[in-house]
């Protein structure tokens, strides 16, 4: 689940943090209560920590990259509990979280089957009534260009409702913007 040097630079920039905090996260979780215990899968450089902490009682970040997990602990440790691990096999107990979130990272999961494993794990760690929500980029030439040399497996938003429903999610909503889509689904 690698990122090229340009992508790494972008994701740790203050401009990206601002865009994520003011546009991406608010749009993706608009009108969704995050509850007392939220999980962000793939927090990366931590661009969303501050915004999510304003909306959730407690925040855990599950990060697959050991260097990013260490960096996140050092820079944001007081705001987020950081766990190193894979979103497709979460080292977390069943039904622990009131919400599970992921932003602009699903395309870094290397195959649709692995993405489905991540969705199943999100379902497993959610409490009944909990929300799974997030966003990702829409496939385009520019999107692919930015990801040259990266793991890049875009999620077609048109397939997401069926993929999530097969796992047991309900109240599934998919919305699209000019360059991104958002999703939300409930564990009954």
N, C-alpha and C. Protein backbone atom coordinates (compact mmCIF):
# COMPACT_ATOMS: atom_id res chain seq x y z
N UNK A 1 0.84 -1.18 0.00
CA UNK A 1 0.00 0.00 0.00
C UNK A 1 0.88 1.24 0.00
N UNK A 2 1.69 1.38 -1.05
CA UNK A 2 2.66 2.45 -1.09
C UNK A 2 2.14 3.73 -1.70
N UNK A 3 2.91 4.80 -1.44
CA UNK A 3 2.62 6.10 -2.03
C UNK A 3 3.90 6.64 -2.64
N UNK A 4 3.80 7.26 -3.81
CA UNK A 4 4.96 7.86 -4.43
C UNK A 4 5.39 9.11 -3.65
N UNK A 5 6.54 9.64 -3.99
CA UNK A 5 7.10 10.77 -3.23
C UNK A 5 6.21 12.02 -3.31
N UNK A 6 5.65 12.29 -4.50
CA UNK A 6 4.74 13.43 -4.64
C UNK A 6 3.54 13.27 -3.73
N UNK A 7 2.98 12.07 -3.72
CA UNK A 7 1.79 11.78 -2.92
C UNK A 7 2.10 11.93 -1.42
N UNK A 8 3.26 11.43 -1.00
CA UNK A 8 3.67 11.58 0.41
C UNK A 8 3.80 13.06 0.78
N UNK A 9 4.41 13.83 -0.11
CA UNK A 9 4.58 15.26 0.15
C UNK A 9 3.21 15.94 0.28
N UNK A 10 2.32 15.64 -0.66
CA UNK A 10 0.98 16.24 -0.64
C UNK A 10 0.25 15.89 0.65
N UNK A 11 0.27 14.62 1.03
CA UNK A 11 -0.52 14.17 2.18
C UNK A 11 -0.01 14.71 3.52
N UNK A 12 1.23 15.15 3.57
CA UNK A 12 1.72 15.71 4.83
C UNK A 12 1.76 17.24 4.82
N UNK A 13 1.23 17.84 3.76
CA UNK A 13 1.26 19.30 3.63
C UNK A 13 0.15 19.95 4.44
N UNK A 14 0.40 21.21 4.83
CA UNK A 14 -0.64 21.96 5.55
C UNK A 14 -1.82 22.25 4.63
N UNK A 15 -1.56 22.39 3.32
CA UNK A 15 -2.66 22.63 2.38
C UNK A 15 -3.61 21.43 2.35
N UNK A 16 -3.06 20.21 2.35
CA UNK A 16 -3.90 19.02 2.38
C UNK A 16 -4.68 18.93 3.70
N UNK A 17 -4.01 19.22 4.80
CA UNK A 17 -4.68 19.18 6.10
C UNK A 17 -5.86 20.16 6.11
N UNK A 18 -5.65 21.36 5.59
CA UNK A 18 -6.73 22.35 5.51
C UNK A 18 -7.87 21.86 4.63
N UNK A 19 -7.53 21.32 3.46
CA UNK A 19 -8.57 20.82 2.54
C UNK A 19 -9.36 19.68 3.19
N UNK A 20 -8.64 18.80 3.84
CA UNK A 20 -9.31 17.68 4.48
C UNK A 20 -10.20 18.15 5.63
N UNK A 21 -9.68 19.05 6.44
CA UNK A 21 -10.42 19.52 7.63
C UNK A 21 -11.62 20.39 7.27
N UNK A 22 -11.51 21.16 6.20
CA UNK A 22 -12.58 22.12 5.89
C UNK A 22 -13.54 21.63 4.82
N UNK A 23 -13.10 20.69 3.96
CA UNK A 23 -13.97 20.24 2.87
C UNK A 23 -14.25 18.74 2.90
N UNK A 24 -13.22 17.92 2.90
CA UNK A 24 -13.42 16.47 2.71
C UNK A 24 -14.14 15.84 3.90
N UNK A 25 -13.58 15.99 5.09
CA UNK A 25 -14.19 15.35 6.27
C UNK A 25 -15.58 15.91 6.57
N UNK A 26 -15.76 17.23 6.60
CA UNK A 26 -17.12 17.74 6.86
C UNK A 26 -18.16 17.23 5.85
N UNK A 27 -17.80 17.17 4.58
CA UNK A 27 -18.72 16.67 3.56
C UNK A 27 -19.01 15.19 3.78
N UNK A 28 -17.98 14.41 4.06
CA UNK A 28 -18.16 12.96 4.21
C UNK A 28 -18.99 12.59 5.43
N UNK A 29 -18.84 13.32 6.51
CA UNK A 29 -19.56 12.94 7.75
C UNK A 29 -20.68 13.91 8.10
N UNK A 30 -21.06 14.72 7.14
CA UNK A 30 -22.15 15.68 7.35
C UNK A 30 -23.38 14.97 7.94
N UNK A 31 -23.85 15.52 9.05
CA UNK A 31 -25.05 15.04 9.77
C UNK A 31 -24.93 13.62 10.33
N UNK A 32 -23.73 13.12 10.46
CA UNK A 32 -23.54 11.80 11.08
C UNK A 32 -22.94 11.99 12.46
N UNK A 33 -23.62 11.52 13.51
CA UNK A 33 -23.00 11.57 14.83
C UNK A 33 -21.91 10.49 14.92
N UNK A 34 -20.72 10.89 15.34
CA UNK A 34 -19.60 9.94 15.43
C UNK A 34 -19.60 9.19 16.76
N UNK A 35 -20.32 9.72 17.75
CA UNK A 35 -20.44 9.00 19.01
C UNK A 35 -19.24 9.16 19.92
N UNK A 36 -19.17 8.26 20.89
CA UNK A 36 -18.17 8.38 21.95
C UNK A 36 -16.84 7.72 21.62
N UNK A 37 -16.78 6.89 20.55
CA UNK A 37 -15.57 6.14 20.28
C UNK A 37 -15.45 5.87 18.79
N UNK A 38 -14.70 6.74 18.09
CA UNK A 38 -14.56 6.65 16.63
C UNK A 38 -13.22 6.00 16.27
N UNK A 39 -13.23 5.28 15.15
CA UNK A 39 -12.03 4.67 14.59
C UNK A 39 -11.80 5.24 13.20
N UNK A 40 -10.59 5.75 12.95
CA UNK A 40 -10.22 6.14 11.59
C UNK A 40 -9.26 5.09 11.06
N UNK A 41 -9.62 4.45 9.96
CA UNK A 41 -8.74 3.49 9.29
C UNK A 41 -7.85 4.28 8.34
N UNK A 42 -6.54 4.10 8.48
CA UNK A 42 -5.60 4.76 7.58
C UNK A 42 -5.45 6.25 7.80
N UNK A 43 -5.17 6.69 9.03
CA UNK A 43 -5.03 8.13 9.27
C UNK A 43 -3.79 8.74 8.65
N UNK A 44 -2.84 7.93 8.22
CA UNK A 44 -1.65 8.45 7.54
C UNK A 44 -0.91 9.48 8.36
N UNK A 45 -0.80 10.69 7.82
CA UNK A 45 -0.07 11.77 8.49
C UNK A 45 -0.91 12.50 9.54
N UNK A 46 -2.18 12.12 9.70
CA UNK A 46 -3.00 12.71 10.75
C UNK A 46 -3.76 13.96 10.38
N UNK A 47 -3.99 14.19 9.09
CA UNK A 47 -4.67 15.41 8.64
C UNK A 47 -6.06 15.58 9.24
N UNK A 48 -6.71 14.46 9.60
CA UNK A 48 -8.10 14.53 10.05
C UNK A 48 -8.27 14.50 11.56
N UNK A 49 -7.19 14.30 12.30
CA UNK A 49 -7.29 14.08 13.74
C UNK A 49 -8.03 15.22 14.44
N UNK A 50 -7.61 16.43 14.22
CA UNK A 50 -8.21 17.57 14.93
C UNK A 50 -9.71 17.67 14.62
N UNK A 51 -10.07 17.57 13.37
CA UNK A 51 -11.48 17.69 12.96
C UNK A 51 -12.32 16.56 13.56
N UNK A 52 -11.80 15.35 13.54
CA UNK A 52 -12.55 14.22 14.08
C UNK A 52 -12.67 14.30 15.60
N UNK A 53 -11.62 14.77 16.27
CA UNK A 53 -11.67 14.89 17.74
C UNK A 53 -12.72 15.91 18.18
N UNK A 54 -12.99 16.89 17.35
CA UNK A 54 -14.03 17.87 17.67
C UNK A 54 -15.43 17.24 17.63
N UNK A 55 -15.56 16.12 16.93
CA UNK A 55 -16.87 15.50 16.73
C UNK A 55 -17.06 14.19 17.48
N UNK A 56 -15.98 13.59 17.99
CA UNK A 56 -16.06 12.27 18.63
C UNK A 56 -15.52 12.36 20.06
N UNK A 57 -16.07 11.54 20.93
CA UNK A 57 -15.59 11.51 22.31
C UNK A 57 -14.15 11.05 22.41
N UNK A 58 -13.83 9.96 21.72
CA UNK A 58 -12.47 9.41 21.68
C UNK A 58 -12.18 8.99 20.25
N UNK A 59 -10.90 8.99 19.89
CA UNK A 59 -10.51 8.67 18.52
C UNK A 59 -9.35 7.68 18.55
N UNK A 60 -9.49 6.61 17.76
CA UNK A 60 -8.42 5.64 17.55
C UNK A 60 -8.06 5.70 16.08
N UNK A 61 -6.76 5.62 15.77
CA UNK A 61 -6.30 5.54 14.39
C UNK A 61 -5.62 4.20 14.17
N UNK A 62 -6.03 3.48 13.14
CA UNK A 62 -5.42 2.21 12.76
C UNK A 62 -4.59 2.47 11.51
N UNK A 63 -3.27 2.37 11.65
CA UNK A 63 -2.35 2.72 10.56
C UNK A 63 -1.46 1.53 10.22
N UNK A 64 -1.43 1.17 8.93
CA UNK A 64 -0.66 0.01 8.47
C UNK A 64 0.84 0.31 8.34
N UNK A 65 1.20 1.55 8.06
CA UNK A 65 2.60 1.92 7.85
C UNK A 65 3.27 2.21 9.20
N UNK A 66 4.25 1.40 9.60
CA UNK A 66 4.88 1.58 10.92
C UNK A 66 5.49 2.97 11.11
N UNK A 67 6.10 3.53 10.07
CA UNK A 67 6.72 4.86 10.19
C UNK A 67 5.64 5.92 10.40
N UNK A 68 4.52 5.81 9.68
CA UNK A 68 3.44 6.78 9.86
C UNK A 68 2.77 6.61 11.22
N UNK A 69 2.64 5.38 11.69
CA UNK A 69 2.06 5.15 13.03
C UNK A 69 2.93 5.80 14.10
N UNK A 70 4.24 5.64 13.99
CA UNK A 70 5.17 6.25 14.95
C UNK A 70 5.07 7.77 14.88
N UNK A 71 5.08 8.32 13.67
CA UNK A 71 4.98 9.77 13.49
C UNK A 71 3.68 10.31 14.09
N UNK A 72 2.59 9.59 13.85
CA UNK A 72 1.29 10.02 14.37
C UNK A 72 1.28 10.01 15.90
N UNK A 73 1.86 8.98 16.50
CA UNK A 73 1.94 8.93 17.96
C UNK A 73 2.74 10.12 18.50
N UNK A 74 3.85 10.43 17.85
CA UNK A 74 4.71 11.52 18.31
C UNK A 74 4.04 12.88 18.15
N UNK A 75 3.35 13.08 17.05
CA UNK A 75 2.78 14.40 16.77
C UNK A 75 1.37 14.60 17.33
N UNK A 76 0.58 13.53 17.41
CA UNK A 76 -0.83 13.67 17.79
C UNK A 76 -1.22 12.75 18.95
N UNK A 77 -0.25 12.16 19.62
CA UNK A 77 -0.50 11.13 20.62
C UNK A 77 -1.52 11.51 21.69
N UNK A 78 -1.60 12.77 22.05
CA UNK A 78 -2.56 13.17 23.06
C UNK A 78 -3.99 13.23 22.54
N UNK A 79 -4.14 13.25 21.23
CA UNK A 79 -5.47 13.39 20.61
C UNK A 79 -6.04 12.08 20.06
N UNK A 80 -5.17 11.12 19.80
CA UNK A 80 -5.59 9.89 19.14
C UNK A 80 -4.80 8.70 19.68
N UNK A 81 -5.50 7.60 19.94
CA UNK A 81 -4.84 6.34 20.28
C UNK A 81 -4.44 5.71 18.96
N UNK A 82 -3.15 5.44 18.77
CA UNK A 82 -2.65 4.93 17.49
C UNK A 82 -2.34 3.45 17.64
N UNK A 83 -2.90 2.66 16.74
CA UNK A 83 -2.65 1.22 16.70
C UNK A 83 -2.09 0.90 15.34
N UNK A 84 -0.99 0.17 15.32
CA UNK A 84 -0.41 -0.26 14.06
C UNK A 84 -1.12 -1.55 13.65
N UNK A 85 -1.63 -1.56 12.43
CA UNK A 85 -2.31 -2.76 11.96
C UNK A 85 -2.95 -2.55 10.60
N UNK A 86 -3.46 -3.64 10.06
CA UNK A 86 -4.03 -3.70 8.73
C UNK A 86 -5.55 -3.62 8.84
N UNK A 87 -6.16 -2.75 8.05
CA UNK A 87 -7.61 -2.61 8.06
C UNK A 87 -8.35 -3.84 7.59
N UNK A 88 -7.66 -4.76 6.92
CA UNK A 88 -8.32 -5.99 6.46
C UNK A 88 -8.25 -7.10 7.51
N UNK A 89 -7.54 -6.87 8.60
CA UNK A 89 -7.43 -7.84 9.71
C UNK A 89 -7.14 -7.03 10.98
N UNK A 90 -8.12 -6.29 11.43
CA UNK A 90 -7.92 -5.34 12.53
C UNK A 90 -7.65 -6.06 13.87
N UNK A 91 -6.59 -5.62 14.55
CA UNK A 91 -6.29 -6.18 15.87
C UNK A 91 -7.14 -5.50 16.95
N UNK A 92 -8.45 -5.51 16.74
CA UNK A 92 -9.39 -4.78 17.61
C UNK A 92 -10.56 -5.69 17.94
N UNK A 93 -11.17 -5.48 19.11
CA UNK A 93 -12.30 -6.32 19.50
C UNK A 93 -13.58 -6.03 18.71
N UNK A 94 -14.46 -7.01 18.68
CA UNK A 94 -15.77 -6.85 18.07
C UNK A 94 -16.54 -5.74 18.77
N UNK A 95 -17.32 -5.00 18.00
CA UNK A 95 -18.31 -4.04 18.51
C UNK A 95 -17.74 -2.99 19.47
N UNK A 96 -16.52 -2.54 19.22
CA UNK A 96 -15.88 -1.55 20.10
C UNK A 96 -16.25 -0.11 19.76
N UNK A 97 -16.57 0.18 18.48
CA UNK A 97 -16.63 1.57 18.03
C UNK A 97 -18.05 2.03 17.69
N UNK A 98 -18.30 3.30 17.98
CA UNK A 98 -19.58 3.92 17.63
C UNK A 98 -19.58 4.37 16.17
N UNK A 99 -18.40 4.59 15.60
CA UNK A 99 -18.27 4.93 14.18
C UNK A 99 -16.92 4.46 13.67
N UNK A 100 -16.88 4.10 12.40
CA UNK A 100 -15.65 3.72 11.71
C UNK A 100 -15.58 4.58 10.46
N UNK A 101 -14.41 5.19 10.23
CA UNK A 101 -14.26 6.19 9.18
C UNK A 101 -13.01 5.92 8.37
N UNK A 102 -13.04 6.27 7.10
CA UNK A 102 -11.83 6.25 6.28
C UNK A 102 -11.98 7.28 5.18
N UNK A 103 -10.91 8.01 4.96
CA UNK A 103 -10.93 9.13 4.02
C UNK A 103 -9.78 9.00 3.04
N UNK A 104 -10.09 9.02 1.77
CA UNK A 104 -9.12 9.04 0.66
C UNK A 104 -8.01 8.00 0.83
N UNK A 105 -8.39 6.80 1.31
CA UNK A 105 -7.39 5.75 1.43
C UNK A 105 -7.81 4.42 0.82
N UNK A 106 -9.09 4.25 0.52
CA UNK A 106 -9.56 2.96 0.03
C UNK A 106 -8.84 2.53 -1.25
N UNK A 107 -8.50 3.49 -2.11
CA UNK A 107 -7.81 3.16 -3.36
C UNK A 107 -6.40 2.63 -3.13
N UNK A 108 -5.88 2.75 -1.92
CA UNK A 108 -4.55 2.18 -1.61
C UNK A 108 -4.63 0.73 -1.16
N UNK A 109 -5.85 0.21 -0.98
CA UNK A 109 -6.02 -1.21 -0.65
C UNK A 109 -5.88 -1.96 -1.97
N UNK A 110 -4.97 -2.96 -2.05
CA UNK A 110 -4.49 -3.44 -3.34
C UNK A 110 -5.42 -4.30 -4.22
N UNK A 111 -6.63 -4.61 -3.79
CA UNK A 111 -7.53 -5.38 -4.64
C UNK A 111 -8.96 -5.23 -4.12
N UNK A 112 -9.96 -5.33 -5.01
CA UNK A 112 -11.34 -5.23 -4.55
C UNK A 112 -11.67 -6.25 -3.44
N UNK A 113 -11.16 -7.46 -3.54
CA UNK A 113 -11.42 -8.46 -2.49
C UNK A 113 -10.86 -8.00 -1.14
N UNK A 114 -9.70 -7.36 -1.16
CA UNK A 114 -9.11 -6.84 0.08
C UNK A 114 -9.94 -5.66 0.60
N UNK A 115 -10.45 -4.82 -0.31
CA UNK A 115 -11.33 -3.73 0.11
C UNK A 115 -12.56 -4.30 0.81
N UNK A 116 -13.12 -5.38 0.26
CA UNK A 116 -14.27 -6.02 0.89
C UNK A 116 -13.91 -6.57 2.27
N UNK A 117 -12.69 -7.07 2.43
CA UNK A 117 -12.24 -7.53 3.75
C UNK A 117 -12.21 -6.36 4.73
N UNK A 118 -11.75 -5.20 4.28
CA UNK A 118 -11.75 -4.01 5.12
C UNK A 118 -13.18 -3.63 5.51
N UNK A 119 -14.10 -3.67 4.55
CA UNK A 119 -15.50 -3.35 4.85
C UNK A 119 -16.07 -4.33 5.89
N UNK A 120 -15.73 -5.62 5.74
CA UNK A 120 -16.21 -6.64 6.70
C UNK A 120 -15.63 -6.39 8.09
N UNK A 121 -14.39 -5.98 8.14
CA UNK A 121 -13.77 -5.67 9.43
C UNK A 121 -14.39 -4.43 10.06
N UNK A 122 -14.72 -3.44 9.24
CA UNK A 122 -15.41 -2.25 9.75
C UNK A 122 -16.74 -2.67 10.38
N UNK A 123 -17.47 -3.54 9.70
CA UNK A 123 -18.74 -4.03 10.23
C UNK A 123 -18.52 -4.74 11.57
N UNK A 124 -17.51 -5.60 11.64
CA UNK A 124 -17.23 -6.38 12.84
C UNK A 124 -16.93 -5.50 14.05
N UNK A 125 -16.14 -4.44 13.87
CA UNK A 125 -15.73 -3.63 15.02
C UNK A 125 -16.75 -2.55 15.38
N UNK A 126 -17.78 -2.38 14.54
CA UNK A 126 -18.84 -1.41 14.85
C UNK A 126 -19.84 -1.99 15.84
N UNK A 127 -20.33 -1.13 16.71
CA UNK A 127 -21.45 -1.51 17.57
C UNK A 127 -22.73 -1.51 16.74
N UNK A 128 -23.75 -2.26 17.17
CA UNK A 128 -25.04 -2.13 16.49
C UNK A 128 -25.50 -0.67 16.52
N UNK A 129 -25.98 -0.20 15.38
CA UNK A 129 -26.39 1.19 15.24
C UNK A 129 -25.25 2.11 14.84
N UNK A 130 -24.03 1.61 14.84
CA UNK A 130 -22.87 2.43 14.49
C UNK A 130 -22.78 2.69 13.00
N UNK A 131 -22.09 3.78 12.68
CA UNK A 131 -21.97 4.22 11.28
C UNK A 131 -20.57 3.98 10.73
N UNK A 132 -20.52 3.51 9.49
CA UNK A 132 -19.31 3.40 8.70
C UNK A 132 -19.42 4.47 7.63
N UNK A 133 -18.45 5.38 7.57
CA UNK A 133 -18.55 6.50 6.64
C UNK A 133 -17.17 6.92 6.17
N UNK A 134 -17.15 7.60 5.04
CA UNK A 134 -15.89 8.12 4.54
C UNK A 134 -16.01 8.62 3.13
N UNK A 135 -14.84 8.74 2.49
CA UNK A 135 -14.78 9.28 1.14
C UNK A 135 -13.59 8.68 0.41
N UNK A 136 -13.62 8.80 -0.89
CA UNK A 136 -12.47 8.40 -1.70
C UNK A 136 -12.56 9.13 -3.03
N UNK A 137 -11.47 9.11 -3.76
CA UNK A 137 -11.41 9.80 -5.04
C UNK A 137 -12.10 9.03 -6.15
N UNK A 138 -12.65 9.77 -7.10
CA UNK A 138 -13.23 9.17 -8.29
C UNK A 138 -12.13 8.90 -9.31
N UNK A 139 -12.22 7.78 -9.99
CA UNK A 139 -11.23 7.40 -10.98
C UNK A 139 -11.26 8.40 -12.14
N UNK A 140 -10.07 8.85 -12.53
CA UNK A 140 -9.93 9.76 -13.68
C UNK A 140 -8.46 9.71 -14.12
N UNK A 141 -8.19 10.31 -15.26
CA UNK A 141 -6.81 10.37 -15.73
C UNK A 141 -5.92 11.11 -14.72
N UNK A 142 -6.41 12.25 -14.22
CA UNK A 142 -5.62 13.03 -13.25
C UNK A 142 -5.39 12.24 -11.96
N UNK A 143 -6.40 11.54 -11.51
CA UNK A 143 -6.29 10.71 -10.30
C UNK A 143 -5.22 9.64 -10.51
N UNK A 144 -5.26 8.97 -11.65
CA UNK A 144 -4.26 7.93 -11.96
C UNK A 144 -2.86 8.53 -12.08
N UNK A 145 -2.76 9.71 -12.68
CA UNK A 145 -1.47 10.36 -12.85
C UNK A 145 -0.84 10.68 -11.49
N UNK A 146 -1.65 11.19 -10.57
CA UNK A 146 -1.14 11.50 -9.23
C UNK A 146 -0.66 10.25 -8.51
N UNK A 147 -1.16 9.11 -8.89
CA UNK A 147 -0.84 7.85 -8.21
C UNK A 147 0.15 6.98 -8.97
N UNK A 148 0.85 7.55 -9.96
CA UNK A 148 1.86 6.76 -10.67
C UNK A 148 2.85 6.18 -9.68
N UNK A 149 3.07 4.87 -9.74
CA UNK A 149 4.00 4.22 -8.82
C UNK A 149 3.39 3.87 -7.48
N UNK A 150 2.16 4.27 -7.24
CA UNK A 150 1.43 3.93 -6.00
C UNK A 150 0.62 2.67 -6.21
N UNK A 151 0.17 2.10 -5.11
CA UNK A 151 -0.95 1.16 -5.17
C UNK A 151 -2.18 2.02 -5.43
N UNK A 152 -2.90 1.74 -6.50
CA UNK A 152 -4.07 2.55 -6.84
C UNK A 152 -5.14 1.66 -7.46
N UNK A 153 -6.13 1.30 -6.64
CA UNK A 153 -7.25 0.48 -7.07
C UNK A 153 -8.53 1.25 -6.73
N UNK A 154 -8.97 2.14 -7.62
CA UNK A 154 -10.14 2.96 -7.33
C UNK A 154 -11.38 2.11 -7.04
N UNK A 155 -12.20 2.62 -6.15
CA UNK A 155 -13.47 1.98 -5.81
C UNK A 155 -14.56 2.60 -6.68
N UNK A 156 -15.20 1.82 -7.55
CA UNK A 156 -16.31 2.38 -8.32
C UNK A 156 -17.51 2.62 -7.39
N UNK A 157 -17.93 3.86 -7.19
CA UNK A 157 -19.01 4.11 -6.24
C UNK A 157 -20.30 3.38 -6.59
N UNK A 158 -20.52 3.10 -7.87
CA UNK A 158 -21.72 2.38 -8.29
C UNK A 158 -21.78 0.95 -7.77
N UNK A 159 -20.65 0.39 -7.36
CA UNK A 159 -20.63 -0.99 -6.84
C UNK A 159 -20.74 -1.04 -5.31
N UNK A 160 -20.59 0.10 -4.67
CA UNK A 160 -20.43 0.11 -3.21
C UNK A 160 -21.68 -0.29 -2.45
N UNK A 161 -22.85 0.12 -2.91
CA UNK A 161 -24.08 -0.23 -2.20
C UNK A 161 -24.22 -1.75 -2.08
N UNK A 162 -24.05 -2.46 -3.18
CA UNK A 162 -24.17 -3.92 -3.15
C UNK A 162 -23.08 -4.55 -2.30
N UNK A 163 -21.86 -4.05 -2.41
CA UNK A 163 -20.74 -4.61 -1.65
C UNK A 163 -20.98 -4.49 -0.15
N UNK A 164 -21.48 -3.33 0.28
CA UNK A 164 -21.73 -3.11 1.71
C UNK A 164 -22.97 -3.87 2.18
N UNK A 165 -24.01 -3.92 1.36
CA UNK A 165 -25.24 -4.63 1.73
C UNK A 165 -24.97 -6.12 1.91
N UNK A 166 -24.13 -6.70 1.06
CA UNK A 166 -23.78 -8.13 1.19
C UNK A 166 -23.18 -8.46 2.55
N UNK A 167 -22.53 -7.48 3.15
CA UNK A 167 -21.88 -7.69 4.45
C UNK A 167 -22.82 -7.45 5.62
N UNK A 168 -24.01 -6.92 5.33
CA UNK A 168 -24.99 -6.70 6.39
C UNK A 168 -25.28 -5.24 6.70
N UNK A 169 -24.57 -4.31 6.05
CA UNK A 169 -24.84 -2.89 6.29
C UNK A 169 -26.23 -2.52 5.76
N UNK A 170 -26.85 -1.54 6.41
CA UNK A 170 -28.14 -1.02 5.98
C UNK A 170 -28.04 0.51 5.88
N UNK A 171 -29.12 1.14 5.45
CA UNK A 171 -29.17 2.60 5.34
C UNK A 171 -27.96 3.15 4.58
N UNK A 172 -27.63 2.50 3.48
CA UNK A 172 -26.44 2.85 2.70
C UNK A 172 -26.75 4.03 1.80
N UNK A 173 -25.90 5.03 1.85
CA UNK A 173 -26.03 6.21 0.99
C UNK A 173 -24.69 6.49 0.33
N UNK A 174 -24.71 6.73 -0.96
CA UNK A 174 -23.51 7.08 -1.72
C UNK A 174 -23.79 8.43 -2.38
N UNK A 175 -22.86 9.35 -2.26
CA UNK A 175 -22.99 10.65 -2.92
C UNK A 175 -21.72 10.95 -3.69
N UNK A 176 -21.85 11.64 -4.80
CA UNK A 176 -20.65 11.98 -5.57
C UNK A 176 -20.52 13.48 -5.73
N UNK A 177 -19.28 13.92 -5.72
CA UNK A 177 -18.92 15.30 -6.01
C UNK A 177 -18.10 15.32 -7.28
N UNK A 178 -17.48 16.45 -7.60
CA UNK A 178 -16.71 16.54 -8.85
C UNK A 178 -15.53 15.57 -8.93
N UNK A 179 -14.83 15.35 -7.81
CA UNK A 179 -13.64 14.50 -7.85
C UNK A 179 -13.66 13.39 -6.80
N UNK A 180 -14.70 13.37 -5.96
CA UNK A 180 -14.75 12.40 -4.86
C UNK A 180 -16.15 11.83 -4.72
N UNK A 181 -16.22 10.72 -3.98
CA UNK A 181 -17.52 10.22 -3.55
C UNK A 181 -17.47 10.04 -2.03
N UNK A 182 -18.65 10.05 -1.43
CA UNK A 182 -18.75 9.77 0.01
C UNK A 182 -19.72 8.60 0.18
N UNK A 183 -19.56 7.93 1.29
CA UNK A 183 -20.46 6.82 1.60
C UNK A 183 -20.77 6.84 3.08
N UNK A 184 -21.93 6.29 3.42
CA UNK A 184 -22.26 6.06 4.81
C UNK A 184 -23.17 4.85 4.86
N UNK A 185 -23.02 4.05 5.91
CA UNK A 185 -23.80 2.84 6.06
C UNK A 185 -23.88 2.52 7.55
N UNK A 186 -24.95 1.87 7.94
CA UNK A 186 -25.18 1.57 9.36
C UNK A 186 -25.08 0.06 9.61
N UNK A 187 -24.50 -0.28 10.74
CA UNK A 187 -24.59 -1.66 11.20
C UNK A 187 -25.88 -1.78 12.00
N UNK A 188 -26.80 -2.66 11.56
CA UNK A 188 -28.08 -2.76 12.28
C UNK A 188 -27.91 -3.34 13.68
